[in-house]
Amino acid sequence: MPSILALSLVCALMLASPARIADSPTTSAAQQGRTGPAPPPSQAEIEMQKRAAMQRNQERYAKIKKDTDQLVELATQLKKSVDEASDQKLSVEVIRKAEQIEKLARQVRQKMAE
């Protein structure tokens, strides 16, 4: 039970970190086929970029939250399966659950690094 509590605490701390807002890169004048300096973005363009970045961040957060909820559920199932297993042998189901948890944890870590 303490391991589940620890996993939940770690997940909660990771989700509580401040959200990152990534600005979309701007294209240079040479890439746009223009010569000379590019005109500065208008206020409306800036606001649109901010809203798009916030939307992407909210979607990323929702995916991370869903995946961490699934991680907690899988960890709970794994704990129950291990408690029910005999001392000499663990079932194939237990090994599969552990692999599933590992894969999902990697995915969550990658999403958090984006």
PDB file of N, CA and C in Angstrom:
ATOM      1  N   MET A   1       0.820  -1.196   0.000  1.00  0.00           N
ATOM      2  CA  MET A   1       0.000   0.000   0.000  1.00  0.00           C
ATOM      3  C   MET A   1       0.867   1.265   0.000  1.00  0.00           C
ATOM      4  N   PRO A   2       1.988   1.290   0.760  1.00  0.00           N
ATOM      5  CA  PRO A   2       2.822   2.487   0.719  1.00  0.00           C
ATOM      6  C   PRO A   2       3.373   2.778  -0.674  1.00  0.00           C
ATOM      7  N   SER A   3       3.630   1.719  -1.471  1.00  0.00           N
ATOM      8  CA  SER A   3       4.155   1.956  -2.817  1.00  0.00           C
ATOM      9  C   SER A   3       3.114   2.653  -3.695  1.00  0.00           C
ATOM     10  N   ILE A   4       1.856   2.309  -3.535  1.00  0.00           N
ATOM     11  CA  ILE A   4       0.789   2.956  -4.297  1.00  0.00           C
ATOM     12  C   ILE A   4       0.671   4.407  -3.865  1.00  0.00           C
ATOM     13  N   LEU A   5       0.762   4.644  -2.575  1.00  0.00           N
ATOM     14  CA  LEU A   5       0.697   6.002  -2.056  1.00  0.00           C
ATOM     15  C   LEU A   5       1.872   6.827  -2.576  1.00  0.00           C
ATOM     16  N   ALA A   6       3.053   6.225  -2.605  1.00  0.00           N
ATOM     17  CA  ALA A   6       4.231   6.924  -3.101  1.00  0.00           C
ATOM     18  C   ALA A   6       4.079   7.244  -4.585  1.00  0.00           C
ATOM     19  N   LEU A   7       3.576   6.291  -5.363  1.00  0.00           N
ATOM     20  CA  LEU A   7       3.364   6.508  -6.791  1.00  0.00           C
ATOM     21  C   LEU A   7       2.358   7.632  -7.003  1.00  0.00           C
ATOM     22  N   SER A   8       1.289   7.629  -6.225  1.00  0.00           N
ATOM     23  CA  SER A   8       0.272   8.679  -6.352  1.00  0.00           C
ATOM     24  C   SER A   8       0.868  10.043  -6.018  1.00  0.00           C
ATOM     25  N   LEU A   9       1.702  10.091  -4.972  1.00  0.00           N
ATOM     26  CA  LEU A   9       2.321  11.345  -4.561  1.00  0.00           C
ATOM     27  C   LEU A   9       3.267  11.863  -5.637  1.00  0.00           C
ATOM     28  N   VAL A  10       4.062  10.982  -6.222  1.00  0.00           N
ATOM     29  CA  VAL A  10       4.987  11.383  -7.282  1.00  0.00           C
ATOM     30  C   VAL A  10       4.209  11.925  -8.479  1.00  0.00           C
ATOM     31  N   CYS A  11       3.148  11.209  -8.871  1.00  0.00           N
ATOM     32  CA  CYS A  11       2.330  11.662 -10.003  1.00  0.00           C
ATOM     33  C   CYS A  11       1.712  13.025  -9.712  1.00  0.00           C
ATOM     34  N   ALA A  12       1.217  13.215  -8.503  1.00  0.00           N
ATOM     35  CA  ALA A  12       0.590  14.486  -8.136  1.00  0.00           C
ATOM     36  C   ALA A  12       1.610  15.619  -8.176  1.00  0.00           C
ATOM     37  N   LEU A  13       2.824  15.364  -7.696  1.00  0.00           N
ATOM     38  CA  LEU A  13       3.854  16.395  -7.713  1.00  0.00           C
ATOM     39  C   LEU A  13       4.262  16.762  -9.133  1.00  0.00           C
ATOM     40  N   MET A  14       4.317  15.759 -10.024  1.00  0.00           N
ATOM     41  CA  MET A  14       4.673  16.043 -11.411  1.00  0.00           C
ATOM     42  C   MET A  14       3.595  16.869 -12.093  1.00  0.00           C
ATOM     43  N   LEU A  15       2.349  16.595 -11.774  1.00  0.00           N
ATOM     44  CA  LEU A  15       1.249  17.325 -12.396  1.00  0.00           C
ATOM     45  C   LEU A  15       1.110  18.731 -11.829  1.00  0.00           C
ATOM     46  N   ALA A  16       1.607  18.949 -10.619  1.00  0.00           N
ATOM     47  CA  ALA A  16       1.471  20.242  -9.977  1.00  0.00           C
ATOM     48  C   ALA A  16       2.521  21.243 -10.458  1.00  0.00           C
ATOM     49  N   SER A  17       3.503  20.803 -11.229  1.00  0.00           N
ATOM     50  CA  SER A  17       4.532  21.716 -11.717  1.00  0.00           C
ATOM     51  C   SER A  17       3.913  22.746 -12.654  1.00  0.00           C
ATOM     52  N   PRO A  18       4.499  23.938 -12.700  1.00  0.00           N
ATOM     53  CA  PRO A  18       3.911  24.984 -13.549  1.00  0.00           C
ATOM     54  C   PRO A  18       3.881  24.566 -15.014  1.00  0.00           C
ATOM     55  N   ALA A  19       2.828  24.975 -15.665  1.00  0.00           N
ATOM     56  CA  ALA A  19       2.642  24.618 -17.078  1.00  0.00           C
ATOM     57  C   ALA A  19       3.602  25.421 -17.936  1.00  0.00           C
ATOM     58  N   ARG A  20       4.097  24.755 -18.975  1.00  0.00           N
ATOM     59  CA  ARG A  20       4.978  25.430 -19.914  1.00  0.00           C
ATOM     60  C   ARG A  20       4.154  25.847 -21.120  1.00  0.00           C
ATOM     61  N   ILE A  21       4.392  27.060 -21.555  1.00  0.00           N
ATOM     62  CA  ILE A  21       3.727  27.521 -22.759  1.00  0.00           C
ATOM     63  C   ILE A  21       4.814  27.744 -23.799  1.00  0.00           C
ATOM     64  N   ALA A  22       4.729  26.986 -24.862  1.00  0.00           N
ATOM     65  CA  ALA A  22       5.737  27.083 -25.922  1.00  0.00           C
ATOM     66  C   ALA A  22       5.210  27.969 -27.031  1.00  0.00           C
ATOM     67  N   ASP A  23       5.973  29.006 -27.344  1.00  0.00           N
ATOM     68  CA  ASP A  23       5.590  29.865 -28.459  1.00  0.00           C
ATOM     69  C   ASP A  23       5.964  29.170 -29.749  1.00  0.00           C
ATOM     70  N   SER A  24       5.136  29.329 -30.742  1.00  0.00           N
ATOM     71  CA  SER A  24       5.438  28.709 -32.024  1.00  0.00           C
ATOM     72  C   SER A  24       6.552  29.501 -32.691  1.00  0.00           C
ATOM     73  N   PRO A  25       7.435  28.812 -33.405  1.00  0.00           N
ATOM     74  CA  PRO A  25       8.551  29.519 -34.035  1.00  0.00           C
ATOM     75  C   PRO A  25       8.056  30.400 -35.180  1.00  0.00           C
ATOM     76  N   THR A  26       8.740  31.504 -35.372  1.00  0.00           N
ATOM     77  CA  THR A  26       8.382  32.388 -36.470  1.00  0.00           C
ATOM     78  C   THR A  26       9.280  32.082 -37.651  1.00  0.00           C
ATOM     79  N   THR A  27       8.792  32.337 -38.837  1.00  0.00           N
ATOM     80  CA  THR A  27       9.597  32.090 -40.032  1.00  0.00           C
ATOM     81  C   THR A  27      10.374  33.349 -40.361  1.00  0.00           C
ATOM     82  N   SER A  28      11.564  33.175 -40.890  1.00  0.00           N
ATOM     83  CA  SER A  28      12.387  34.324 -41.232  1.00  0.00           C
ATOM     84  C   SER A  28      11.919  34.922 -42.553  1.00  0.00           C
ATOM     85  N   ALA A  29      12.410  36.122 -42.831  1.00  0.00           N
ATOM     86  CA  ALA A  29      12.043  36.803 -44.068  1.00  0.00           C
ATOM     87  C   ALA A  29      12.528  36.010 -45.269  1.00  0.00           C
ATOM     88  N   ALA A  30      13.715  35.395 -45.159  1.00  0.00           N
ATOM     89  CA  ALA A  30      14.246  34.612 -46.271  1.00  0.00           C
ATOM     90  C   ALA A  30      13.359  33.397 -46.542  1.00  0.00           C
ATOM     91  N   GLN A  31      12.834  32.777 -45.485  1.00  0.00           N
ATOM     92  CA  GLN A  31      11.963  31.622 -45.650  1.00  0.00           C
ATOM     93  C   GLN A  31      10.634  32.029 -46.279  1.00  0.00           C
ATOM     94  N   GLN A  32      10.198  33.230 -46.031  1.00  0.00           N
ATOM     95  CA  GLN A  32       8.929  33.699 -46.576  1.00  0.00           C
ATOM     96  C   GLN A  32       9.086  34.242 -47.985  1.00  0.00           C
ATOM     97  N   GLY A  33      10.312  34.339 -48.484  1.00  0.00           N
ATOM     98  CA  GLY A  33      10.542  34.843 -49.830  1.00  0.00           C
ATOM     99  C   GLY A  33      10.583  36.362 -49.893  1.00  0.00           C
ATOM    100  N   ARG A  34      10.668  37.028 -48.769  1.00  0.00           N
ATOM    101  CA  ARG A  34      10.727  38.483 -48.728  1.00  0.00           C
ATOM    102  C   ARG A  34      12.165  38.936 -48.498  1.00  0.00           C
ATOM    103  N   THR A  35      12.392  40.156 -48.863  1.00  0.00           N
ATOM    104  CA  THR A  35      13.672  40.769 -48.543  1.00  0.00           C
ATOM    105  C   THR A  35      13.418  41.849 -47.510  1.00  0.00           C
ATOM    106  N   GLY A  36      14.396  42.088 -46.692  1.00  0.00           N
ATOM    107  CA  GLY A  36      14.238  43.104 -45.675  1.00  0.00           C
ATOM    108  C   GLY A  36      13.651  42.515 -44.400  1.00  0.00           C
ATOM    109  N   PRO A  37      13.508  43.357 -43.393  1.00  0.00           N
ATOM    110  CA  PRO A  37      12.994  42.861 -42.102  1.00  0.00           C
ATOM    111  C   PRO A  37      11.509  42.504 -42.187  1.00  0.00           C
ATOM    112  N   ALA A  38      11.154  41.452 -41.465  1.00  0.00           N
ATOM    113  CA  ALA A  38       9.750  41.027 -41.422  1.00  0.00           C
ATOM    114  C   ALA A  38       8.979  41.986 -40.529  1.00  0.00           C
ATOM    115  N   PRO A  39       7.761  42.287 -40.901  1.00  0.00           N
ATOM    116  CA  PRO A  39       6.966  43.178 -40.040  1.00  0.00           C
ATOM    117  C   PRO A  39       6.662  42.474 -38.721  1.00  0.00           C
ATOM    118  N   PRO A  40       6.592  43.230 -37.641  1.00  0.00           N
ATOM    119  CA  PRO A  40       6.289  42.607 -36.350  1.00  0.00           C
ATOM    120  C   PRO A  40       4.873  42.035 -36.361  1.00  0.00           C
ATOM    121  N   PRO A  41       4.656  40.966 -35.624  1.00  0.00           N
ATOM    122  CA  PRO A  41       3.305  40.388 -35.596  1.00  0.00           C
ATOM    123  C   PRO A  41       2.318  41.357 -34.954  1.00  0.00           C
ATOM    124  N   SER A  42       1.107  41.309 -35.442  1.00  0.00           N
ATOM    125  CA  SER A  42       0.075  42.184 -34.885  1.00  0.00           C
ATOM    126  C   SER A  42      -0.357  41.647 -33.515  1.00  0.00           C
ATOM    127  N   GLN A  43      -1.039  42.493 -32.785  1.00  0.00           N
ATOM    128  CA  GLN A  43      -1.517  42.102 -31.457  1.00  0.00           C
ATOM    129  C   GLN A  43      -2.469  40.908 -31.565  1.00  0.00           C
ATOM    130  N   ALA A  44      -3.290  40.891 -32.612  1.00  0.00           N
ATOM    131  CA  ALA A  44      -4.231  39.783 -32.803  1.00  0.00           C
ATOM    132  C   ALA A  44      -3.476  38.478 -33.059  1.00  0.00           C
ATOM    133  N   GLU A  45      -2.393  38.548 -33.843  1.00  0.00           N
ATOM    134  CA  GLU A  45      -1.594  37.349 -34.100  1.00  0.00           C
ATOM    135  C   GLU A  45      -0.928  36.841 -32.825  1.00  0.00           C
ATOM    136  N   ILE A  46      -0.436  37.761 -32.039  1.00  0.00           N
ATOM    137  CA  ILE A  46       0.194  37.391 -30.771  1.00  0.00           C
ATOM    138  C   ILE A  46      -0.813  36.702 -29.857  1.00  0.00           C
ATOM    139  N   GLU A  47      -1.993  37.280 -29.753  1.00  0.00           N
ATOM    140  CA  GLU A  47      -3.045  36.691 -28.909  1.00  0.00           C
ATOM    141  C   GLU A  47      -3.465  35.313 -29.423  1.00  0.00           C
ATOM    142  N   MET A  48      -3.555  35.176 -30.740  1.00  0.00           N
ATOM    143  CA  MET A  48      -3.937  33.896 -31.332  1.00  0.00           C
ATOM    144  C   MET A  48      -2.874  32.835 -31.034  1.00  0.00           C
ATOM    145  N   GLN A  49      -1.603  33.209 -31.118  1.00  0.00           N
ATOM    146  CA  GLN A  49      -0.522  32.287 -30.804  1.00  0.00           C
ATOM    147  C   GLN A  49      -0.562  31.873 -29.336  1.00  0.00           C
ATOM    148  N   LYS A  50      -0.843  32.820 -28.456  1.00  0.00           N
ATOM    149  CA  LYS A  50      -0.925  32.513 -27.026  1.00  0.00           C
ATOM    150  C   LYS A  50      -2.083  31.562 -26.733  1.00  0.00           C
ATOM    151  N   ARG A  51      -3.238  31.833 -27.370  1.00  0.00           N
ATOM    152  CA  ARG A  51      -4.394  30.953 -27.160  1.00  0.00           C
ATOM    153  C   ARG A  51      -4.111  29.545 -27.673  1.00  0.00           C
ATOM    154  N   ALA A  52      -3.459  29.453 -28.832  1.00  0.00           N
ATOM    155  CA  ALA A  52      -3.121  28.138 -29.390  1.00  0.00           C
ATOM    156  C   ALA A  52      -2.142  27.395 -28.473  1.00  0.00           C
ATOM    157  N   ALA A  53      -1.165  28.116 -27.944  1.00  0.00           N
ATOM    158  CA  ALA A  53      -0.203  27.494 -27.030  1.00  0.00           C
ATOM    159  C   ALA A  53      -0.899  27.026 -25.754  1.00  0.00           C
ATOM    160  N   MET A  54      -1.804  27.835 -25.234  1.00  0.00           N
ATOM    161  CA  MET A  54      -2.530  27.447 -24.026  1.00  0.00           C
ATOM    162  C   MET A  54      -3.413  26.230 -24.289  1.00  0.00           C
ATOM    163  N   GLN A  55      -4.035  26.183 -25.459  1.00  0.00           N
ATOM    164  CA  GLN A  55      -4.882  25.044 -25.828  1.00  0.00           C
ATOM    165  C   GLN A  55      -4.041  23.763 -25.902  1.00  0.00           C
ATOM    166  N   ARG A  56      -2.868  23.861 -26.552  1.00  0.00           N
ATOM    167  CA  ARG A  56      -1.978  22.687 -26.635  1.00  0.00           C
ATOM    168  C   ARG A  56      -1.541  22.236 -25.249  1.00  0.00           C
ATOM    169  N   ASN A  57      -1.264  23.198 -24.378  1.00  0.00           N
ATOM    170  CA  ASN A  57      -0.837  22.867 -23.025  1.00  0.00           C
ATOM    171  C   ASN A  57      -1.960  22.195 -22.241  1.00  0.00           C
ATOM    172  N   GLN A  58      -3.180  22.667 -22.406  1.00  0.00           N
ATOM    173  CA  GLN A  58      -4.320  22.063 -21.719  1.00  0.00           C
ATOM    174  C   GLN A  58      -4.556  20.633 -22.207  1.00  0.00           C
ATOM    175  N   GLU A  59      -4.425  20.421 -23.515  1.00  0.00           N
ATOM    176  CA  GLU A  59      -4.595  19.074 -24.063  1.00  0.00           C
ATOM    177  C   GLU A  59      -3.506  18.139 -23.548  1.00  0.00           C
ATOM    178  N   ARG A  60      -2.272  18.635 -23.496  1.00  0.00           N
ATOM    179  CA  ARG A  60      -1.154  17.847 -22.985  1.00  0.00           C
ATOM    180  C   ARG A  60      -1.393  17.468 -21.523  1.00  0.00           C
ATOM    181  N   TYR A  61      -1.844  18.442 -20.736  1.00  0.00           N
ATOM    182  CA  TYR A  61      -2.128  18.198 -19.317  1.00  0.00           C
ATOM    183  C   TYR A  61      -3.229  17.145 -19.164  1.00  0.00           C
ATOM    184  N   ALA A  62      -4.286  17.243 -19.966  1.00  0.00           N
ATOM    185  CA  ALA A  62      -5.391  16.284 -19.880  1.00  0.00           C
ATOM    186  C   ALA A  62      -4.909  14.872 -20.202  1.00  0.00           C
ATOM    187  N   LYS A  63      -4.033  14.733 -21.215  1.00  0.00           N
ATOM    188  CA  LYS A  63      -3.495  13.419 -21.559  1.00  0.00           C
ATOM    189  C   LYS A  63      -2.623  12.870 -20.428  1.00  0.00           C
ATOM    190  N   ILE A  64      -1.804  13.730 -19.846  1.00  0.00           N
ATOM    191  CA  ILE A  64      -0.936  13.300 -18.739  1.00  0.00           C
ATOM    192  C   ILE A  64      -1.789  12.871 -17.554  1.00  0.00           C
ATOM    193  N   LYS A  65      -2.821  13.635 -17.244  1.00  0.00           N
ATOM    194  CA  LYS A  65      -3.694  13.294 -16.113  1.00  0.00           C
ATOM    195  C   LYS A  65      -4.382  11.960 -16.347  1.00  0.00           C
ATOM    196  N   LYS A  66      -4.896  11.748 -17.561  1.00  0.00           N
ATOM    197  CA  LYS A  66      -5.560  10.485 -17.894  1.00  0.00           C
ATOM    198  C   LYS A  66      -4.584   9.308 -17.748  1.00  0.00           C
ATOM    199  N   ASP A  67      -3.375   9.487 -18.268  1.00  0.00           N
ATOM    200  CA  ASP A  67      -2.376   8.417 -18.192  1.00  0.00           C
ATOM    201  C   ASP A  67      -1.943   8.132 -16.751  1.00  0.00           C
ATOM    202  N   THR A  68      -1.804   9.170 -15.923  1.00  0.00           N
ATOM    203  CA  THR A  68      -1.406   8.931 -14.532  1.00  0.00           C
ATOM    204  C   THR A  68      -2.537   8.272 -13.752  1.00  0.00           C
ATOM    205  N   ASP A  69      -3.775   8.611 -14.078  1.00  0.00           N
ATOM    206  CA  ASP A  69      -4.897   7.917 -13.444  1.00  0.00           C
ATOM    207  C   ASP A  69      -4.865   6.428 -13.797  1.00  0.00           C
ATOM    208  N   GLN A  70      -4.553   6.153 -15.062  1.00  0.00           N
ATOM    209  CA  GLN A  70      -4.448   4.757 -15.503  1.00  0.00           C
ATOM    210  C   GLN A  70      -3.267   4.064 -14.822  1.00  0.00           C
ATOM    211  N   LEU A  71      -2.174   4.795 -14.614  1.00  0.00           N
ATOM    212  CA  LEU A  71      -1.012   4.230 -13.912  1.00  0.00           C
ATOM    213  C   LEU A  71      -1.373   3.813 -12.489  1.00  0.00           C
ATOM    214  N   VAL A  72      -2.102   4.668 -11.807  1.00  0.00           N
ATOM    215  CA  VAL A  72      -2.516   4.352 -10.438  1.00  0.00           C
ATOM    216  C   VAL A  72      -3.404   3.108 -10.428  1.00  0.00           C
ATOM    217  N   GLU A  73      -4.333   3.035 -11.379  1.00  0.00           N
ATOM    218  CA  GLU A  73      -5.225   1.877 -11.467  1.00  0.00           C
ATOM    219  C   GLU A  73      -4.429   0.600 -11.722  1.00  0.00           C
ATOM    220  N   LEU A  74      -3.482   0.658 -12.659  1.00  0.00           N
ATOM    221  CA  LEU A  74      -2.662  -0.521 -12.958  1.00  0.00           C
ATOM    222  C   LEU A  74      -1.794  -0.914 -11.773  1.00  0.00           C
ATOM    223  N   ALA A  75      -1.250   0.073 -11.069  1.00  0.00           N
ATOM    224  CA  ALA A  75      -0.432  -0.224  -9.899  1.00  0.00           C
ATOM    225  C   ALA A  75      -1.270  -0.884  -8.806  1.00  0.00           C
ATOM    226  N   THR A  76      -2.497  -0.441  -8.652  1.00  0.00           N
ATOM    227  CA  THR A  76      -3.401  -1.050  -7.679  1.00  0.00           C
ATOM    228  C   THR A  76      -3.707  -2.493  -8.064  1.00  0.00           C
ATOM    229  N   GLN A  77      -3.969  -2.737  -9.342  1.00  0.00           N
ATOM    230  CA  GLN A  77      -4.228  -4.096  -9.816  1.00  0.00           C
ATOM    231  C   GLN A  77      -3.002  -4.983  -9.635  1.00  0.00           C
ATOM    232  N   LEU A  78      -1.818  -4.437  -9.911  1.00  0.00           N
ATOM    233  CA  LEU A  78      -0.586  -5.202  -9.751  1.00  0.00           C
ATOM    234  C   LEU A  78      -0.373  -5.584  -8.294  1.00  0.00           C
ATOM    235  N   LYS A  79      -0.590  -4.651  -7.406  1.00  0.00           N
ATOM    236  CA  LYS A  79      -0.446  -4.915  -5.972  1.00  0.00           C
ATOM    237  C   LYS A  79      -1.395  -6.030  -5.544  1.00  0.00           C
ATOM    238  N   LYS A  80      -2.637  -5.954  -5.998  1.00  0.00           N
ATOM    239  CA  LYS A  80      -3.623  -6.974  -5.649  1.00  0.00           C
ATOM    240  C   LYS A  80      -3.198  -8.338  -6.192  1.00  0.00           C
ATOM    241  N   SER A  81      -2.720  -8.378  -7.435  1.00  0.00           N
ATOM    242  CA  SER A  81      -2.288  -9.636  -8.047  1.00  0.00           C
ATOM    243  C   SER A  81      -1.092 -10.233  -7.322  1.00  0.00           C
ATOM    244  N   VAL A  82      -0.153  -9.409  -6.918  1.00  0.00           N
ATOM    245  CA  VAL A  82       1.025  -9.898  -6.195  1.00  0.00           C
ATOM    246  C   VAL A  82       0.613 -10.428  -4.825  1.00  0.00           C
ATOM    247  N   ASP A  83      -0.296  -9.734  -4.164  1.00  0.00           N
ATOM    248  CA  ASP A  83      -0.762 -10.193  -2.852  1.00  0.00           C
ATOM    249  C   ASP A  83      -1.466 -11.539  -2.953  1.00  0.00           C
ATOM    250  N   GLU A  84      -2.158 -11.781  -4.054  1.00  0.00           N
ATOM    251  CA  GLU A  84      -2.893 -13.031  -4.234  1.00  0.00           C
ATOM    252  C   GLU A  84      -2.013 -14.173  -4.737  1.00  0.00           C
ATOM    253  N   ALA A  85      -0.847 -13.856  -5.291  1.00  0.00           N
ATOM    254  CA  ALA A  85       0.032 -14.881  -5.859  1.00  0.00           C
ATOM    255  C   ALA A  85       0.704 -15.679  -4.747  1.00  0.00           C
ATOM    256  N   SER A  86       1.107 -16.881  -5.103  1.00  0.00           N
ATOM    257  CA  SER A  86       1.819 -17.711  -4.127  1.00  0.00           C
ATOM    258  C   SER A  86       3.251 -17.211  -3.988  1.00  0.00           C
ATOM    259  N   ASP A  87       3.914 -17.664  -2.931  1.00  0.00           N
ATOM    260  CA  ASP A  87       5.281 -17.240  -2.669  1.00  0.00           C
ATOM    261  C   ASP A  87       6.251 -17.752  -3.726  1.00  0.00           C
ATOM    262  N   GLN A  88       5.952 -18.872  -4.343  1.00  0.00           N
ATOM    263  CA  GLN A  88       6.879 -19.512  -5.257  1.00  0.00           C
ATOM    264  C   GLN A  88       6.723 -19.070  -6.707  1.00  0.00           C
ATOM    265  N   LYS A  89       5.536 -18.563  -7.081  1.00  0.00           N
ATOM    266  CA  LYS A  89       5.283 -18.334  -8.498  1.00  0.00           C
ATOM    267  C   LYS A  89       4.393 -17.103  -8.710  1.00  0.00           C
ATOM    268  N   LEU A  90       4.823 -16.260  -9.645  1.00  0.00           N
ATOM    269  CA  LEU A  90       3.994 -15.133 -10.058  1.00  0.00           C
ATOM    270  C   LEU A  90       3.385 -15.474 -11.407  1.00  0.00           C
ATOM    271  N   SER A  91       2.166 -15.085 -11.603  1.00  0.00           N
ATOM    272  CA  SER A  91       1.480 -15.415 -12.851  1.00  0.00           C
ATOM    273  C   SER A  91       1.983 -14.549 -14.004  1.00  0.00           C
ATOM    274  N   VAL A  92       1.681 -14.975 -15.203  1.00  0.00           N
ATOM    275  CA  VAL A  92       2.023 -14.222 -16.406  1.00  0.00           C
ATOM    276  C   VAL A  92       1.286 -12.885 -16.394  1.00  0.00           C
ATOM    277  N   GLU A  93       0.099 -12.865 -15.830  1.00  0.00           N
ATOM    278  CA  GLU A  93      -0.697 -11.633 -15.735  1.00  0.00           C
ATOM    279  C   GLU A  93       0.062 -10.558 -14.955  1.00  0.00           C
ATOM    280  N   VAL A  94       0.728 -10.959 -13.875  1.00  0.00           N
ATOM    281  CA  VAL A  94       1.467 -10.006 -13.057  1.00  0.00           C
ATOM    282  C   VAL A  94       2.615  -9.407 -13.871  1.00  0.00           C
ATOM    283  N   ILE A  95       3.301 -10.230 -14.618  1.00  0.00           N
ATOM    284  CA  ILE A  95       4.421  -9.752 -15.432  1.00  0.00           C
ATOM    285  C   ILE A  95       3.911  -8.799 -16.520  1.00  0.00           C
ATOM    286  N   ARG A  96       2.801  -9.136 -17.129  1.00  0.00           N
ATOM    287  CA  ARG A  96       2.223  -8.266 -18.173  1.00  0.00           C
ATOM    288  C   ARG A  96       1.808  -6.917 -17.597  1.00  0.00           C
ATOM    289  N   LYS A  97       1.215  -6.933 -16.416  1.00  0.00           N
ATOM    290  CA  LYS A  97       0.804  -5.676 -15.782  1.00  0.00           C
ATOM    291  C   LYS A  97       2.032  -4.806 -15.492  1.00  0.00           C
ATOM    292  N   ALA A  98       3.097  -5.428 -15.013  1.00  0.00           N
ATOM    293  CA  ALA A  98       4.325  -4.678 -14.724  1.00  0.00           C
ATOM    294  C   ALA A  98       4.895  -4.066 -16.004  1.00  0.00           C
ATOM    295  N   GLU A  99       4.880  -4.812 -17.087  1.00  0.00           N
ATOM    296  CA  GLU A  99       5.362  -4.284 -18.365  1.00  0.00           C
ATOM    297  C   GLU A  99       4.472  -3.143 -18.862  1.00  0.00           C
ATOM    298  N   GLN A 100       3.177  -3.292 -18.677  1.00  0.00           N
ATOM    299  CA  GLN A 100       2.229  -2.256 -19.087  1.00  0.00           C
ATOM    300  C   GLN A 100       2.467  -0.971 -18.287  1.00  0.00           C
ATOM    301  N   ILE A 101       2.712  -1.125 -16.993  1.00  0.00           N
ATOM    302  CA  ILE A 101       2.992   0.032 -16.136  1.00  0.00           C
ATOM    303  C   ILE A 101       4.271   0.725 -16.598  1.00  0.00           C
ATOM    304  N   GLU A 102       5.291  -0.066 -16.883  1.00  0.00           N
ATOM    305  CA  GLU A 102       6.564   0.496 -17.333  1.00  0.00           C
ATOM    306  C   GLU A 102       6.391   1.287 -18.633  1.00  0.00           C
ATOM    307  N   LYS A 103       5.671   0.728 -19.584  1.00  0.00           N
ATOM    308  CA  LYS A 103       5.445   1.387 -20.872  1.00  0.00           C
ATOM    309  C   LYS A 103       4.669   2.693 -20.678  1.00  0.00           C
ATOM    310  N   LEU A 104       3.626   2.649 -19.883  1.00  0.00           N
ATOM    311  CA  LEU A 104       2.812   3.838 -19.647  1.00  0.00           C
ATOM    312  C   LEU A 104       3.606   4.911 -18.907  1.00  0.00           C
ATOM    313  N   ALA A 105       4.438   4.498 -17.958  1.00  0.00           N
ATOM    314  CA  ALA A 105       5.260   5.458 -17.214  1.00  0.00           C
ATOM    315  C   ALA A 105       6.238   6.166 -18.155  1.00  0.00           C
ATOM    316  N   ARG A 106       6.811   5.434 -19.102  1.00  0.00           N
ATOM    317  CA  ARG A 106       7.705   6.055 -20.093  1.00  0.00           C
ATOM    318  C   ARG A 106       6.951   7.080 -20.937  1.00  0.00           C
ATOM    319  N   GLN A 107       5.730   6.727 -21.348  1.00  0.00           N
ATOM    320  CA  GLN A 107       4.928   7.649 -22.152  1.00  0.00           C
ATOM    321  C   GLN A 107       4.609   8.924 -21.386  1.00  0.00           C
ATOM    322  N   VAL A 108       4.283   8.795 -20.108  1.00  0.00           N
ATOM    323  CA  VAL A 108       3.976   9.963 -19.284  1.00  0.00           C
ATOM    324  C   VAL A 108       5.212  10.833 -19.161  1.00  0.00           C
ATOM    325  N   ARG A 109       6.366  10.214 -18.934  1.00  0.00           N
ATOM    326  CA  ARG A 109       7.607  10.981 -18.805  1.00  0.00           C
ATOM    327  C   ARG A 109       7.909  11.748 -20.091  1.00  0.00           C
ATOM    328  N   GLN A 110       7.705  11.114 -21.243  1.00  0.00           N
ATOM    329  CA  GLN A 110       7.941  11.783 -22.519  1.00  0.00           C
ATOM    330  C   GLN A 110       6.983  12.957 -22.727  1.00  0.00           C
ATOM    331  N   LYS A 111       5.713  12.774 -22.365  1.00  0.00           N
ATOM    332  CA  LYS A 111       4.734  13.858 -22.519  1.00  0.00           C
ATOM    333  C   LYS A 111       5.084  15.037 -21.621  1.00  0.00           C
ATOM    334  N   MET A 112       5.601  14.740 -20.435  1.00  0.00           N
ATOM    335  CA  MET A 112       5.972  15.817 -19.520  1.00  0.00           C
ATOM    336  C   MET A 112       7.182  16.600 -20.029  1.00  0.00           C
ATOM    337  N   ALA A 113       8.045  15.939 -20.784  1.00  0.00           N
ATOM    338  CA  ALA A 113       9.239  16.594 -21.309  1.00  0.00           C
ATOM    339  C   ALA A 113       8.946  17.421 -22.551  1.00  0.00           C
ATOM    340  N   GLU A 114       7.796  17.253 -23.165  1.00  0.00           N
ATOM    341  CA  GLU A 114       7.452  17.995 -24.391  1.00  0.00           C
ATOM    342  C   GLU A 114       7.317  19.465 -24.133  1.00  0.00           C
TER     343      GLU A 114
END
